[in-house]
Amino acid sequence: MRGIALPLVCMALAGCSGPPQESCIARERDWPLRSGLMRGIDPVLVRIRVERDGRIVFNGQTSTPAQVARYVRLLDRQRPPPAVRLDVDGRAPCEAGERVRRMLDGVAMCRDGYCGERGAWERGYGPPVAPPG
């Protein structure tokens, strides 16, 4: 009984109501990465972030899920499509991260290797290069 009571007391003191949430980073998509896509300077890089509070930030602007879905569909029509990097804060609500992942799953540009999440992106291309200026 003591073995069970101590973790429950610790969780109560920490303000937890259940087991810790799995980090949403562990759910990263493994979209294929185009060989050499980010070697050198790529003309267009779109960044989508899911913040700790669940907000979606599209190229620096807080956006609604409907806006991001519309932007993603428009980007998918461009030829060639831009490269899209998705970063999900590990403490973000998993549903917010999954919502954006599902949007990206539904477009050809991600299936064709133009999208990547932070971990896979950096393994394939290295850390993103900051824009000049």
Protein backbone atom coordinates (compact mmCIF):
# COMPACT_ATOMS: atom_id res chain seq x y z
CA MET A 1 0.00 0.00 0.00
CA ARG A 2 2.85 2.40 0.84
CA GLY A 3 4.31 1.81 -2.62
CA ILE A 4 1.13 3.14 -4.24
CA ALA A 5 0.29 5.88 -1.74
CA LEU A 6 3.57 7.78 -2.06
CA PRO A 7 3.31 8.38 -5.85
CA LEU A 8 -0.34 9.43 -5.43
CA VAL A 9 0.58 11.92 -2.70
CA CYS A 10 3.41 13.30 -4.85
CA MET A 11 1.06 13.68 -7.83
CA ALA A 12 -1.51 15.46 -5.66
CA LEU A 13 1.12 17.83 -4.27
CA ALA A 14 2.38 18.56 -7.78
CA GLY A 15 -1.15 19.32 -8.97
CA CYS A 16 -1.37 16.32 -11.27
CA SER A 17 -4.68 14.53 -11.68
CA GLY A 18 -3.25 11.56 -13.54
CA PRO A 19 -0.14 10.16 -15.14
CA PRO A 20 2.07 12.64 -16.99
CA GLN A 21 1.06 13.40 -20.56
CA GLU A 22 3.20 11.86 -23.27
CA SER A 23 5.24 14.51 -25.03
CA CYS A 24 3.73 15.31 -28.38
CA ILE A 25 7.22 15.41 -29.87
CA ALA A 26 7.21 11.61 -29.61
CA ARG A 27 4.39 11.60 -32.18
CA GLU A 28 6.39 13.35 -34.93
CA ARG A 29 5.43 12.38 -38.44
CA ASP A 30 7.99 10.67 -40.57
CA TRP A 31 7.17 12.30 -43.89
CA PRO A 32 9.75 11.52 -46.57
CA LEU A 33 12.41 14.22 -46.96
CA ARG A 34 13.50 15.27 -50.43
CA SER A 35 17.18 14.66 -50.98
CA GLY A 36 19.08 17.94 -50.89
CA LEU A 37 15.98 20.12 -50.51
CA MET A 38 17.56 22.38 -47.93
CA ARG A 39 21.17 22.30 -49.10
CA GLY A 40 22.20 25.89 -49.57
CA ILE A 41 19.49 28.52 -49.52
CA ASP A 42 15.95 27.51 -50.35
CA PRO A 43 13.80 30.29 -51.82
CA VAL A 44 10.77 29.62 -49.61
CA LEU A 45 10.54 28.10 -46.14
CA VAL A 46 7.22 28.10 -44.33
CA ARG A 47 7.33 27.61 -40.57
CA ILE A 48 4.37 26.38 -38.57
CA ARG A 49 4.68 26.23 -34.78
CA VAL A 50 2.30 24.86 -32.19
CA GLU A 51 2.97 26.74 -28.97
CA ARG A 52 2.76 25.47 -25.38
CA ASP A 53 -0.70 27.03 -25.00
CA GLY A 54 -1.98 25.36 -28.21
CA ARG A 55 -1.80 28.46 -30.40
CA ILE A 56 -0.78 27.84 -34.01
CA VAL A 57 1.77 30.29 -35.39
CA PHE A 58 2.10 30.39 -39.18
CA ASN A 59 5.22 32.26 -40.34
CA GLY A 60 5.23 34.35 -37.17
CA GLN A 61 1.50 35.16 -37.15
CA THR A 62 -0.95 33.56 -34.72
CA SER A 63 -3.56 31.84 -36.89
CA THR A 64 -6.75 29.84 -36.41
CA PRO A 65 -6.86 26.19 -37.49
CA ALA A 66 -9.19 27.19 -40.36
CA GLN A 67 -6.70 29.82 -41.58
CA VAL A 68 -3.81 27.35 -41.41
CA ALA A 69 -5.83 24.72 -43.31
CA ARG A 70 -6.57 27.28 -46.04
CA TYR A 71 -2.91 28.39 -46.21
CA VAL A 72 -1.73 24.78 -46.44
CA ARG A 73 -4.14 24.03 -49.32
CA LEU A 74 -2.92 27.14 -51.16
CA LEU A 75 0.73 26.20 -50.61
CA ASP A 76 0.05 22.71 -51.95
CA ARG A 77 -1.04 24.22 -55.29
CA GLN A 78 2.25 26.08 -55.81
CA ARG A 79 4.80 24.51 -58.16
CA PRO A 80 7.22 23.78 -56.77
CA PRO A 81 5.67 23.88 -53.33
CA PRO A 82 7.61 25.56 -50.53
CA ALA A 83 9.39 23.59 -47.85
CA VAL A 84 7.31 23.42 -44.66
CA ARG A 85 8.85 22.91 -41.22
CA LEU A 86 6.54 22.03 -38.33
CA ASP A 87 7.64 22.57 -34.73
CA VAL A 88 5.39 21.35 -31.92
CA ASP A 89 6.32 22.47 -28.40
CA GLY A 90 6.72 19.35 -26.28
CA ARG A 91 4.35 20.82 -23.69
CA ALA A 92 1.67 21.80 -26.21
CA PRO A 93 -1.70 20.06 -26.05
CA CYS A 94 -1.28 16.96 -28.20
CA GLU A 95 -4.59 17.55 -29.97
CA ALA A 96 -3.34 20.92 -31.29
CA GLY A 97 -0.20 19.29 -32.70
CA GLU A 98 -2.16 16.39 -34.16
CA ARG A 99 -4.63 18.78 -35.80
CA VAL A 100 -1.80 20.45 -37.75
CA ARG A 101 -0.18 17.09 -38.55
CA ARG A 102 -3.49 15.86 -40.02
CA MET A 103 -3.72 19.01 -42.16
CA LEU A 104 -0.24 18.33 -43.51
CA ASP A 105 -0.93 14.60 -43.95
CA GLY A 106 -3.74 15.55 -46.33
CA VAL A 107 -1.64 17.40 -48.90
CA ALA A 108 0.57 16.06 -51.67
CA MET A 109 3.49 18.38 -50.88
CA CYS A 110 4.10 16.57 -47.57
CA ARG A 111 3.77 13.12 -49.11
CA ASP A 112 6.23 14.29 -51.80
CA GLY A 113 8.88 15.29 -49.27
CA TYR A 114 8.42 19.04 -48.83
CA CYS A 115 7.43 18.87 -45.13
CA GLY A 116 9.31 17.91 -42.01
CA GLU A 117 9.04 18.08 -38.25
CA ARG A 118 11.78 19.42 -36.05
CA GLY A 119 13.53 16.13 -35.20
CA ALA A 120 13.38 14.55 -38.66
CA TRP A 121 14.14 17.90 -40.30
CA GLU A 122 17.32 18.40 -38.30
CA ARG A 123 18.42 14.80 -38.83
CA GLY A 124 17.94 15.24 -42.59
CA TYR A 125 18.97 18.83 -43.17
CA GLY A 126 20.54 20.19 -39.98
CA PRO A 127 19.20 23.09 -37.93
CA PRO A 128 17.39 25.82 -39.86
CA VAL A 129 19.47 28.74 -41.00
CA ALA A 130 18.26 32.09 -39.68
CA PRO A 131 17.28 34.52 -42.42
CA PRO A 132 19.81 37.31 -43.01
CA GLY A 133 19.20 40.64 -41.34
